[in-house]
Amino acid sequence: MRAVRLLLPALVLLAACTDPAARSEAQPALAQPTRSPPETAADMKTSFAPVVKKAAPAVVNISARRVVRRQADPFWDLFGMGAPRGRVEGSLGSGVIVRADGVIITNNHVVAGGQEIIVALADRREFPAKLLLADERTDLAVLKIELGEERLPVLAIDDSTDAEVGDLVLAIGNPFGVGQTVTTGIISALNRTADPSGDAAASYIQTDAAINPGNSGGALVDMDGDLIGINSFIVSRSGTSSGVGFAMPAAMVRRVVETAVGGGQRVERPWLGARTQTVTAEIARSIGMSAPQGVLVADIWPGGAAARAGLRQGDVILSVDDQTVSDVGGLNYAVGTRRLGETLRLGVRRENGTTATLNLRAEAPPATPAQDEQVLTGRNPFDGATVVNLSPALADELGVDPFQGPGVMVIRVGRGFSMNAGLRPGDMIRAVNGREIRNVRDLTAAAAAGAEAGAWQVTIQRNGQPVTANFRL
């Protein structure tokens, strides 16, 4: 597990997967949740052993090794001994078998950059693993080990919405590399949003079950022995468990696994097509709501899914498929875990105080205009910068606001005048010499025209603020 940082150590949970609708013999189905162990309330009061016996065989240990090249001390260059040297780094974590043919879910940070990934089963057999998919946004990764015709024990993924605060749970993993360990606790909270940006991955299960370094990618299991989350990270001053742990819910795990076993290289997430903000007490008072609840629609993307569903500026989204929405992160998670093409029911409060139910089709963000990625060169302030046209699809990929409007974004700054000029990745180029820049073609034309005069006035937007600078070459 990666190093734990002050107040926000890392460990991510990952939950499950369903096999695609069209199944084949080579792609065995995921096990479905059951409601068997323990059989009676008396059994539960006596021991958690029935749950552990069902779940533990499907939890594995994962180690990843990578060679890091580091430059030797420049002093040794004087003696011809300054060549870069390799140092082997490793990481330890946990994982969960979600398909009998050897598909395993874990945290991306456990295996990121790993040149050799080894999976140790509960019976201590070890197998090399292949990385099928890494999703940095959710910190989830899907691995595959080959065992021929052998079928492995699996954990059924329970992505239902019936979990409640106070439910008993077990955390199973490999803390500190000591071997498989089981701890118990309760669900302390649901729909925790750890990312203030409202990212679709940020709707965690909070638990007080002891989670420590090495538990990353391990299982959070309910009392039916089903997987409800992948242990994600902890909040701690010491770097060890303080009873505040977070797990990625099974619904998101399932989406990532489905993508991986279907051959996808990137998780396609539906996009609402609206800019939203959490309803605060102040906003609630201003729009006549008795209490702050839901998410306010601040803007609508023209022709997008929200617009076609009938959402309007000023609407408040209260629920998705009858599940209450409390903030932007919860809304984005509810939409982002749906499959493309599915229909969602939005419970909405209109500006006049009436309510409505709208049907929204889950769609990927539009990729228009085309990126038209270019590295600019020549005698101009953009020399060495890589620029693209910003579209909702690219904005979603980069994690930036698509509602900044059409324009040209700097995504990399290489050697050239752009570096000296102070351009940064994420800057939006708005105008050159008074000419509005709406696409890369506009920018290249403006740069060429400015080269004739040798002077440029450039306006960029950085962190939402306009900045204007003059250059002469």
Foldseek 3Di string as FASTA:
>chain_A
DDFQDAQWGKFEKFAAAFADPDDDPVFATFDAFDQPPPPDPVVVVVDLVVLCVQAVQFKKKKKFKAWDWDFDDVVCVVVVPGGTDIDIDMAIAMWGAGFFQFKIKFFLVRHPRGPWMWIQGLVRDIFTWDWLEAAVLLRMTIIGGGDDPGTGRGAHTDQDPPFDFFFKKKQWWQAPNPHIDIWIWTFHDWQAAPDPLLALQGTWTWTQTWDAGRSRHTFIAGSSSHGQWTWIIAGDRVRGRPRTTITGGNLQNRQRVNCRVVRHHYRFFFDLQFDKWFFDQVNCVVLVHPHGFAIFTQGGHPPDQNVVQPDDHGKGFQDKQPHGDGTSNSVSNVRRSDDQQDWIWTWIQHSVGDIDITITGGHGFDCPPPFPWDQDDDLFLRHQWIKTWDGPNVCSVVVHDSVVATFMFTQDGDDDNVVVVPDDGGKTWADKPRHGGRGPVVVVVSRVVCVVVQKIWTWIADPNRIDIDIGGD
